[in-house]
Every structure is written in structure tokens, then in C-alpha cells.
Amino acid sequence: LGEVEAALDVVNGFRDRPAGTLRLNVPISASRLVLPKIVPGFLAAYPAIRLEVIAEENFVDLLVAGCDAGIRYDERLEQDMIAVPI
């Protein structure tokens, strides 16, 4: 029981501190116009996050491409995606 509690303590230490790689797919224009305004603050707030940006003009399905999130313009939002204004 002590080992389980110790393991839970370790895991709970990460609960309020996001960590890992965030794969983001964006149009090239967003990589130039949007990301420079928001990425520095995001990385400062979440220093344990490694951001991987895939910038391309071709429209890709985020899930098929293995991405966690993406920036899309209104007309390019996949039907099963949730939009959050930035």
C-alpha cells in the first residue's frame, strides 16, 4: 500500500504542471502572424512543454497527422473539432 501511495504522490506532482510535447499544425501564414504573438507567453507559462510546429499550406486532418491541436480559419475547421478563439 505504501508503494501505491508513493506512486500516486509522484503522479499527482504532475497534475498542475503540464509537460510533454505539443504538436501543433498551422497554416504558414499563422506561423508568421499568430504564433510569434502567443508562443513566448505560452512557453513562459508552461516551461515543461516542448512545442513542435508543423507549418504548411496543405489542409490536413489533425488526427491523421498525429497533431494535438491546430490553427484553422473558419472555413477550414474539421467537423469533429472544437474551436477556441485565440
PDB file of N, CA and C in Angstrom:
ATOM      1  N   LEU A   1       0.830  -1.198   0.000  1.00  0.00           N
ATOM      2  CA  LEU A   1       0.000   0.000   0.000  1.00  0.00           C
ATOM      3  C   LEU A   1       0.872   1.258   0.000  1.00  0.00           C
ATOM      4  N   GLY A   2       1.992   1.194   0.702  1.00  0.00           N
ATOM      5  CA  GLY A   2       2.909   2.329   0.740  1.00  0.00           C
ATOM      6  C   GLY A   2       3.487   2.652  -0.624  1.00  0.00           C
ATOM      7  N   GLU A   3       3.771   1.611  -1.419  1.00  0.00           N
ATOM      8  CA  GLU A   3       4.309   1.824  -2.766  1.00  0.00           C
ATOM      9  C   GLU A   3       3.279   2.485  -3.670  1.00  0.00           C
ATOM     10  N   VAL A   4       2.031   2.090  -3.536  1.00  0.00           N
ATOM     11  CA  VAL A   4       0.960   2.689  -4.336  1.00  0.00           C
ATOM     12  C   VAL A   4       0.809   4.161  -3.973  1.00  0.00           C
ATOM     13  N   GLU A   5       0.820   4.471  -2.685  1.00  0.00           N
ATOM     14  CA  GLU A   5       0.706   5.863  -2.254  1.00  0.00           C
ATOM     15  C   GLU A   5       1.885   6.692  -2.757  1.00  0.00           C
ATOM     16  N   ALA A   6       3.077   6.137  -2.725  1.00  0.00           N
ATOM     17  CA  ALA A   6       4.258   6.847  -3.222  1.00  0.00           C
ATOM     18  C   ALA A   6       4.142   7.104  -4.717  1.00  0.00           C
ATOM     19  N   ALA A   7       3.674   6.118  -5.461  1.00  0.00           N
ATOM     20  CA  ALA A   7       3.492   6.284  -6.908  1.00  0.00           C
ATOM     21  C   ALA A   7       2.444   7.351  -7.197  1.00  0.00           C
ATOM     22  N   LEU A   8       1.358   7.359  -6.444  1.00  0.00           N
ATOM     23  CA  LEU A   8       0.318   8.375  -6.625  1.00  0.00           C
ATOM     24  C   LEU A   8       0.847   9.770  -6.311  1.00  0.00           C
ATOM     25  N   ASP A   9       1.689   9.889  -5.303  1.00  0.00           N
ATOM     26  CA  ASP A   9       2.288  11.182  -4.980  1.00  0.00           C
ATOM     27  C   ASP A   9       3.136  11.699  -6.138  1.00  0.00           C
ATOM     28  N   VAL A  10       3.894  10.811  -6.766  1.00  0.00           N
ATOM     29  CA  VAL A  10       4.721  11.205  -7.912  1.00  0.00           C
ATOM     30  C   VAL A  10       3.841  11.661  -9.067  1.00  0.00           C
ATOM     31  N   VAL A  11       2.818  10.897  -9.384  1.00  0.00           N
ATOM     32  CA  VAL A  11       1.920  11.233 -10.495  1.00  0.00           C
ATOM     33  C   VAL A  11       1.173  12.529 -10.199  1.00  0.00           C
ATOM     34  N   ASN A  12       0.687  12.695  -8.996  1.00  0.00           N
ATOM     35  CA  ASN A  12      -0.051  13.908  -8.637  1.00  0.00           C
ATOM     36  C   ASN A  12       0.815  15.155  -8.706  1.00  0.00           C
ATOM     37  N   GLY A  13       2.121  14.994  -8.599  1.00  0.00           N
ATOM     38  CA  GLY A  13       3.022  16.128  -8.736  1.00  0.00           C
ATOM     39  C   GLY A  13       2.984  16.749 -10.118  1.00  0.00           C
ATOM     40  N   PHE A  14       2.534  15.992 -11.112  1.00  0.00           N
ATOM     41  CA  PHE A  14       2.444  16.488 -12.486  1.00  0.00           C
ATOM     42  C   PHE A  14       1.063  17.036 -12.822  1.00  0.00           C
ATOM     43  N   ARG A  15       0.116  16.876 -11.946  1.00  0.00           N
ATOM     44  CA  ARG A  15      -1.273  17.242 -12.217  1.00  0.00           C
ATOM     45  C   ARG A  15      -1.434  18.716 -12.571  1.00  0.00           C
ATOM     46  N   ASP A  16      -0.762  19.593 -11.856  1.00  0.00           N
ATOM     47  CA  ASP A  16      -0.904  21.029 -12.080  1.00  0.00           C
ATOM     48  C   ASP A  16       0.213  21.608 -12.935  1.00  0.00           C
ATOM     49  N   ARG A  17       1.039  20.744 -13.501  1.00  0.00           N
ATOM     50  CA  ARG A  17       2.187  21.202 -14.266  1.00  0.00           C
ATOM     51  C   ARG A  17       2.256  20.441 -15.584  1.00  0.00           C
ATOM     52  N   PRO A  18       1.587  20.946 -16.622  1.00  0.00           N
ATOM     53  CA  PRO A  18       1.610  20.247 -17.911  1.00  0.00           C
ATOM     54  C   PRO A  18       3.040  20.073 -18.418  1.00  0.00           C
ATOM     55  N   ALA A  19       3.291  18.917 -19.013  1.00  0.00           N
ATOM     56  CA  ALA A  19       4.620  18.622 -19.534  1.00  0.00           C
ATOM     57  C   ALA A  19       4.477  17.719 -20.751  1.00  0.00           C
ATOM     58  N   GLY A  20       5.486  17.743 -21.601  1.00  0.00           N
ATOM     59  CA  GLY A  20       5.495  16.879 -22.770  1.00  0.00           C
ATOM     60  C   GLY A  20       5.551  17.683 -24.051  1.00  0.00           C
ATOM     61  N   THR A  21       5.298  17.006 -25.150  1.00  0.00           N
ATOM     62  CA  THR A  21       5.345  17.629 -26.469  1.00  0.00           C
ATOM     63  C   THR A  21       3.942  17.940 -26.953  1.00  0.00           C
ATOM     64  N   LEU A  22       3.757  19.150 -27.448  1.00  0.00           N
ATOM     65  CA  LEU A  22       2.501  19.578 -28.055  1.00  0.00           C
ATOM     66  C   LEU A  22       2.756  19.767 -29.539  1.00  0.00           C
ATOM     67  N   ARG A  23       2.140  18.912 -30.358  1.00  0.00           N
ATOM     68  CA  ARG A  23       2.288  19.015 -31.822  1.00  0.00           C
ATOM     69  C   ARG A  23       1.173  19.894 -32.362  1.00  0.00           C
ATOM     70  N   LEU A  24       1.563  20.982 -33.009  1.00  0.00           N
ATOM     71  CA  LEU A  24       0.625  21.982 -33.495  1.00  0.00           C
ATOM     72  C   LEU A  24       0.761  22.118 -35.003  1.00  0.00           C
ATOM     73  N   ASN A  25      -0.342  21.970 -35.731  1.00  0.00           N
ATOM     74  CA  ASN A  25      -0.349  22.122 -37.186  1.00  0.00           C
ATOM     75  C   ASN A  25      -1.000  23.453 -37.522  1.00  0.00           C
ATOM     76  N   VAL A  26      -0.303  24.274 -38.288  1.00  0.00           N
ATOM     77  CA  VAL A  26      -0.806  25.612 -38.609  1.00  0.00           C
ATOM     78  C   VAL A  26      -0.540  25.945 -40.071  1.00  0.00           C
ATOM     79  N   PRO A  27      -1.359  26.835 -40.636  1.00  0.00           N
ATOM     80  CA  PRO A  27      -1.023  27.360 -41.959  1.00  0.00           C
ATOM     81  C   PRO A  27       0.256  28.203 -41.859  1.00  0.00           C
ATOM     82  N   ILE A  28       0.995  28.296 -42.938  1.00  0.00           N
ATOM     83  CA  ILE A  28       2.227  29.081 -42.933  1.00  0.00           C
ATOM     84  C   ILE A  28       1.949  30.519 -42.512  1.00  0.00           C
ATOM     85  N   SER A  29       0.847  31.084 -42.973  1.00  0.00           N
ATOM     86  CA  SER A  29       0.524  32.470 -42.603  1.00  0.00           C
ATOM     87  C   SER A  29       0.333  32.613 -41.097  1.00  0.00           C
ATOM     88  N   ALA A  30      -0.269  31.629 -40.452  1.00  0.00           N
ATOM     89  CA  ALA A  30      -0.455  31.686 -38.995  1.00  0.00           C
ATOM     90  C   ALA A  30       0.877  31.559 -38.272  1.00  0.00           C
ATOM     91  N   SER A  31       1.804  30.801 -38.855  1.00  0.00           N
ATOM     92  CA  SER A  31       3.112  30.661 -38.210  1.00  0.00           C
ATOM     93  C   SER A  31       3.860  31.988 -38.206  1.00  0.00           C
ATOM     94  N   ARG A  32       3.545  32.838 -39.154  1.00  0.00           N
ATOM     95  CA  ARG A  32       4.209  34.141 -39.236  1.00  0.00           C
ATOM     96  C   ARG A  32       3.440  35.240 -38.511  1.00  0.00           C
ATOM     97  N   LEU A  33       2.113  35.164 -38.534  1.00  0.00           N
ATOM     98  CA  LEU A  33       1.298  36.253 -37.996  1.00  0.00           C
ATOM     99  C   LEU A  33       0.768  36.009 -36.587  1.00  0.00           C
ATOM    100  N   VAL A  34       0.434  34.777 -36.267  1.00  0.00           N
ATOM    101  CA  VAL A  34      -0.230  34.476 -34.998  1.00  0.00           C
ATOM    102  C   VAL A  34       0.748  33.945 -33.951  1.00  0.00           C
ATOM    103  N   LEU A  35       1.532  32.953 -34.315  1.00  0.00           N
ATOM    104  CA  LEU A  35       2.388  32.287 -33.329  1.00  0.00           C
ATOM    105  C   LEU A  35       3.389  33.207 -32.631  1.00  0.00           C
ATOM    106  N   PRO A  36       4.047  34.128 -33.345  1.00  0.00           N
ATOM    107  CA  PRO A  36       5.003  34.988 -32.639  1.00  0.00           C
ATOM    108  C   PRO A  36       4.373  35.798 -31.501  1.00  0.00           C
ATOM    109  N   LYS A  37       3.078  36.036 -31.589  1.00  0.00           N
ATOM    110  CA  LYS A  37       2.392  36.816 -30.555  1.00  0.00           C
ATOM    111  C   LYS A  37       2.019  35.974 -29.339  1.00  0.00           C
ATOM    112  N   ILE A  38       1.812  34.660 -29.521  1.00  0.00           N
ATOM    113  CA  ILE A  38       1.301  33.854 -28.412  1.00  0.00           C
ATOM    114  C   ILE A  38       2.278  32.806 -27.874  1.00  0.00           C
ATOM    115  N   VAL A  39       3.216  32.365 -28.684  1.00  0.00           N
ATOM    116  CA  VAL A  39       4.114  31.289 -28.253  1.00  0.00           C
ATOM    117  C   VAL A  39       5.030  31.695 -27.093  1.00  0.00           C
ATOM    118  N   PRO A  40       5.670  32.855 -27.117  1.00  0.00           N
ATOM    119  CA  PRO A  40       6.563  33.184 -25.994  1.00  0.00           C
ATOM    120  C   PRO A  40       5.857  33.168 -24.633  1.00  0.00           C
ATOM    121  N   GLY A  41       4.669  33.738 -24.558  1.00  0.00           N
ATOM    122  CA  GLY A  41       3.920  33.730 -23.303  1.00  0.00           C
ATOM    123  C   GLY A  41       3.499  32.334 -22.888  1.00  0.00           C
ATOM    124  N   PHE A  42       3.100  31.523 -23.867  1.00  0.00           N
ATOM    125  CA  PHE A  42       2.698  30.144 -23.586  1.00  0.00           C
ATOM    126  C   PHE A  42       3.868  29.346 -23.023  1.00  0.00           C
ATOM    127  N   LEU A  43       5.018  29.443 -23.677  1.00  0.00           N
ATOM    128  CA  LEU A  43       6.185  28.684 -23.219  1.00  0.00           C
ATOM    129  C   LEU A  43       6.703  29.193 -21.874  1.00  0.00           C
ATOM    130  N   ALA A  44       6.541  30.484 -21.613  1.00  0.00           N
ATOM    131  CA  ALA A  44       6.931  31.019 -20.305  1.00  0.00           C
ATOM    132  C   ALA A  44       6.011  30.479 -19.213  1.00  0.00           C
ATOM    133  N   ALA A  45       4.730  30.355 -19.531  1.00  0.00           N
ATOM    134  CA  ALA A  45       3.756  29.850 -18.555  1.00  0.00           C
ATOM    135  C   ALA A  45       3.885  28.346 -18.350  1.00  0.00           C
ATOM    136  N   TYR A  46       4.318  27.632 -19.380  1.00  0.00           N
ATOM    137  CA  TYR A  46       4.414  26.167 -19.330  1.00  0.00           C
ATOM    138  C   TYR A  46       5.803  25.719 -19.794  1.00  0.00           C
ATOM    139  N   PRO A  47       6.817  25.944 -18.986  1.00  0.00           N
ATOM    140  CA  PRO A  47       8.193  25.653 -19.426  1.00  0.00           C
ATOM    141  C   PRO A  47       8.484  24.173 -19.665  1.00  0.00           C
ATOM    142  N   ALA A  48       7.659  23.285 -19.153  1.00  0.00           N
ATOM    143  CA  ALA A  48       7.892  21.851 -19.362  1.00  0.00           C
ATOM    144  C   ALA A  48       7.259  21.345 -20.656  1.00  0.00           C
ATOM    145  N   ILE A  49       6.629  22.246 -21.413  1.00  0.00           N
ATOM    146  CA  ILE A  49       6.033  21.878 -22.700  1.00  0.00           C
ATOM    147  C   ILE A  49       7.056  22.112 -23.804  1.00  0.00           C
ATOM    148  N   ARG A  50       7.198  21.133 -24.659  1.00  0.00           N
ATOM    149  CA  ARG A  50       8.023  21.261 -25.865  1.00  0.00           C
ATOM    150  C   ARG A  50       7.054  21.433 -27.022  1.00  0.00           C
ATOM    151  N   LEU A  51       7.156  22.535 -27.738  1.00  0.00           N
ATOM    152  CA  LEU A  51       6.238  22.838 -28.829  1.00  0.00           C
ATOM    153  C   LEU A  51       6.850  22.423 -30.159  1.00  0.00           C
ATOM    154  N   GLU A  52       6.118  21.609 -30.894  1.00  0.00           N
ATOM    155  CA  GLU A  52       6.536  21.185 -32.231  1.00  0.00           C
ATOM    156  C   GLU A  52       5.511  21.747 -33.211  1.00  0.00           C
ATOM    157  N   VAL A  53       5.945  22.662 -34.063  1.00  0.00           N
ATOM    158  CA  VAL A  53       5.045  23.331 -35.002  1.00  0.00           C
ATOM    159  C   VAL A  53       5.279  22.786 -36.398  1.00  0.00           C
ATOM    160  N   ILE A  54       4.197  22.348 -37.029  1.00  0.00           N
ATOM    161  CA  ILE A  54       4.236  21.914 -38.416  1.00  0.00           C
ATOM    162  C   ILE A  54       3.461  22.957 -39.210  1.00  0.00           C
ATOM    163  N   ALA A  55       4.169  23.754 -39.999  1.00  0.00           N
ATOM    164  CA  ALA A  55       3.540  24.821 -40.778  1.00  0.00           C
ATOM    165  C   ALA A  55       3.496  24.399 -42.238  1.00  0.00           C
ATOM    166  N   GLU A  56       2.301  24.402 -42.804  1.00  0.00           N
ATOM    167  CA  GLU A  56       2.135  24.013 -44.205  1.00  0.00           C
ATOM    168  C   GLU A  56       0.862  24.631 -44.761  1.00  0.00           C
ATOM    169  N   GLU A  57       0.808  24.764 -46.052  1.00  0.00           N
ATOM    170  CA  GLU A  57      -0.376  25.328 -46.696  1.00  0.00           C
ATOM    171  C   GLU A  57      -1.430  24.279 -46.994  1.00  0.00           C
ATOM    172  N   ASN A  58      -1.013  23.029 -47.125  1.00  0.00           N
ATOM    173  CA  ASN A  58      -1.979  21.973 -47.416  1.00  0.00           C
ATOM    174  C   ASN A  58      -2.852  21.716 -46.202  1.00  0.00           C
ATOM    175  N   PHE A  59      -4.135  21.563 -46.426  1.00  0.00           N
ATOM    176  CA  PHE A  59      -5.084  21.260 -45.366  1.00  0.00           C
ATOM    177  C   PHE A  59      -4.941  19.790 -45.005  1.00  0.00           C
ATOM    178  N   VAL A  60      -4.657  19.502 -43.733  1.00  0.00           N
ATOM    179  CA  VAL A  60      -4.511  18.122 -43.291  1.00  0.00           C
ATOM    180  C   VAL A  60      -5.448  17.858 -42.126  1.00  0.00           C
ATOM    181  N   ASP A  61      -5.837  16.611 -41.980  1.00  0.00           N
ATOM    182  CA  ASP A  61      -6.626  16.190 -40.826  1.00  0.00           C
ATOM    183  C   ASP A  61      -5.672  16.121 -39.638  1.00  0.00           C
ATOM    184  N   LEU A  62      -5.964  16.866 -38.593  1.00  0.00           N
ATOM    185  CA  LEU A  62      -5.064  16.945 -37.446  1.00  0.00           C
ATOM    186  C   LEU A  62      -4.820  15.594 -36.796  1.00  0.00           C
ATOM    187  N   LEU A  63      -5.866  14.802 -36.656  1.00  0.00           N
ATOM    188  CA  LEU A  63      -5.715  13.497 -36.007  1.00  0.00           C
ATOM    189  C   LEU A  63      -4.889  12.539 -36.851  1.00  0.00           C
ATOM    190  N   VAL A  64      -5.153  12.523 -38.147  1.00  0.00           N
ATOM    191  CA  VAL A  64      -4.402  11.646 -39.049  1.00  0.00           C
ATOM    192  C   VAL A  64      -2.923  12.046 -39.062  1.00  0.00           C
ATOM    193  N   ALA A  65      -2.657  13.345 -38.972  1.00  0.00           N
ATOM    194  CA  ALA A  65      -1.281  13.845 -38.994  1.00  0.00           C
ATOM    195  C   ALA A  65      -0.577  13.674 -37.651  1.00  0.00           C
ATOM    196  N   GLY A  66      -1.296  13.202 -36.643  1.00  0.00           N
ATOM    197  CA  GLY A  66      -0.692  12.993 -35.334  1.00  0.00           C
ATOM    198  C   GLY A  66      -0.486  14.271 -34.543  1.00  0.00           C
ATOM    199  N   CYS A  67      -1.292  15.280 -34.833  1.00  0.00           N
ATOM    200  CA  CYS A  67      -1.168  16.556 -34.131  1.00  0.00           C
ATOM    201  C   CYS A  67      -2.154  16.630 -32.970  1.00  0.00           C
ATOM    202  N   ASP A  68      -1.786  17.402 -31.970  1.00  0.00           N
ATOM    203  CA  ASP A  68      -2.634  17.581 -30.797  1.00  0.00           C
ATOM    204  C   ASP A  68      -3.619  18.723 -30.980  1.00  0.00           C
ATOM    205  N   ALA A  69      -3.226  19.715 -31.756  1.00  0.00           N
ATOM    206  CA  ALA A  69      -4.068  20.893 -31.968  1.00  0.00           C
ATOM    207  C   ALA A  69      -3.629  21.564 -33.257  1.00  0.00           C
ATOM    208  N   GLY A  70      -4.402  22.546 -33.672  1.00  0.00           N
ATOM    209  CA  GLY A  70      -4.053  23.271 -34.879  1.00  0.00           C
ATOM    210  C   GLY A  70      -4.713  24.623 -34.900  1.00  0.00           C
ATOM    211  N   ILE A  71      -4.198  25.462 -35.745  1.00  0.00           N
ATOM    212  CA  ILE A  71      -4.837  26.748 -36.002  1.00  0.00           C
ATOM    213  C   ILE A  71      -5.491  26.629 -37.362  1.00  0.00           C
ATOM    214  N   ARG A  72      -6.762  26.922 -37.389  1.00  0.00           N
ATOM    215  CA  ARG A  72      -7.528  26.861 -38.626  1.00  0.00           C
ATOM    216  C   ARG A  72      -8.343  28.135 -38.754  1.00  0.00           C
ATOM    217  N   TYR A  73      -8.597  28.527 -39.974  1.00  0.00           N
ATOM    218  CA  TYR A  73      -9.504  29.635 -40.226  1.00  0.00           C
ATOM    219  C   TYR A  73     -10.900  29.051 -40.332  1.00  0.00           C
ATOM    220  N   ASP A  74     -11.919  29.856 -40.107  1.00  0.00           N
ATOM    221  CA  ASP A  74     -13.301  29.376 -40.009  1.00  0.00           C
ATOM    222  C   ASP A  74     -13.689  28.360 -41.075  1.00  0.00           C
ATOM    223  N   GLU A  75     -13.345  28.631 -42.291  1.00  0.00           N
ATOM    224  CA  GLU A  75     -13.779  27.749 -43.374  1.00  0.00           C
ATOM    225  C   GLU A  75     -13.016  26.427 -43.410  1.00  0.00           C
ATOM    226  N   ARG A  76     -12.018  26.261 -42.587  1.00  0.00           N
ATOM    227  CA  ARG A  76     -11.198  25.059 -42.636  1.00  0.00           C
ATOM    228  C   ARG A  76     -11.254  24.242 -41.354  1.00  0.00           C
ATOM    229  N   LEU A  77     -12.303  24.357 -40.589  1.00  0.00           N
ATOM    230  CA  LEU A  77     -12.415  23.614 -39.340  1.00  0.00           C
ATOM    231  C   LEU A  77     -13.065  22.267 -39.602  1.00  0.00           C
ATOM    232  N   GLU A  78     -12.371  21.187 -39.196  1.00  0.00           N
ATOM    233  CA  GLU A  78     -12.933  19.860 -39.366  1.00  0.00           C
ATOM    234  C   GLU A  78     -14.213  19.743 -38.550  1.00  0.00           C
ATOM    235  N   GLN A  79     -15.147  18.948 -39.026  1.00  0.00           N
ATOM    236  CA  GLN A  79     -16.464  18.840 -38.411  1.00  0.00           C
ATOM    237  C   GLN A  79     -16.396  18.383 -36.956  1.00  0.00           C
ATOM    238  N   ASP A  80     -15.476  17.496 -36.623  1.00  0.00           N
ATOM    239  CA  ASP A  80     -15.416  16.955 -35.263  1.00  0.00           C
ATOM    240  C   ASP A  80     -14.454  17.711 -34.341  1.00  0.00           C
ATOM    241  N   MET A  81     -13.986  18.886 -34.762  1.00  0.00           N
ATOM    242  CA  MET A  81     -13.063  19.678 -33.958  1.00  0.00           C
ATOM    243  C   MET A  81     -13.814  20.733 -33.151  1.00  0.00           C
ATOM    244  N   ILE A  82     -13.201  21.163 -32.078  1.00  0.00           N
ATOM    245  CA  ILE A  82     -13.761  22.209 -31.227  1.00  0.00           C
ATOM    246  C   ILE A  82     -12.950  23.473 -31.452  1.00  0.00           C
ATOM    247  N   ALA A  83     -13.632  24.572 -31.732  1.00  0.00           N
ATOM    248  CA  ALA A  83     -12.962  25.845 -31.987  1.00  0.00           C
ATOM    249  C   ALA A  83     -12.824  26.642 -30.696  1.00  0.00           C
ATOM    250  N   VAL A  84     -11.634  27.191 -30.494  1.00  0.00           N
ATOM    251  CA  VAL A  84     -11.369  28.080 -29.370  1.00  0.00           C
ATOM    252  C   VAL A  84     -10.716  29.326 -29.950  1.00  0.00           C
ATOM    253  N   PRO A  85     -11.350  30.485 -29.826  1.00  0.00           N
ATOM    254  CA  PRO A  85     -10.762  31.708 -30.394  1.00  0.00           C
ATOM    255  C   PRO A  85      -9.426  32.052 -29.726  1.00  0.00           C
ATOM    256  N   ILE A  86      -8.482  32.535 -30.528  1.00  0.00           N
ATOM    257  CA  ILE A  86      -7.207  32.996 -29.963  1.00  0.00           C
ATOM    258  C   ILE A  86      -7.003  34.448 -30.330  1.00  0.00           C
TER     259      ILE A  86
END
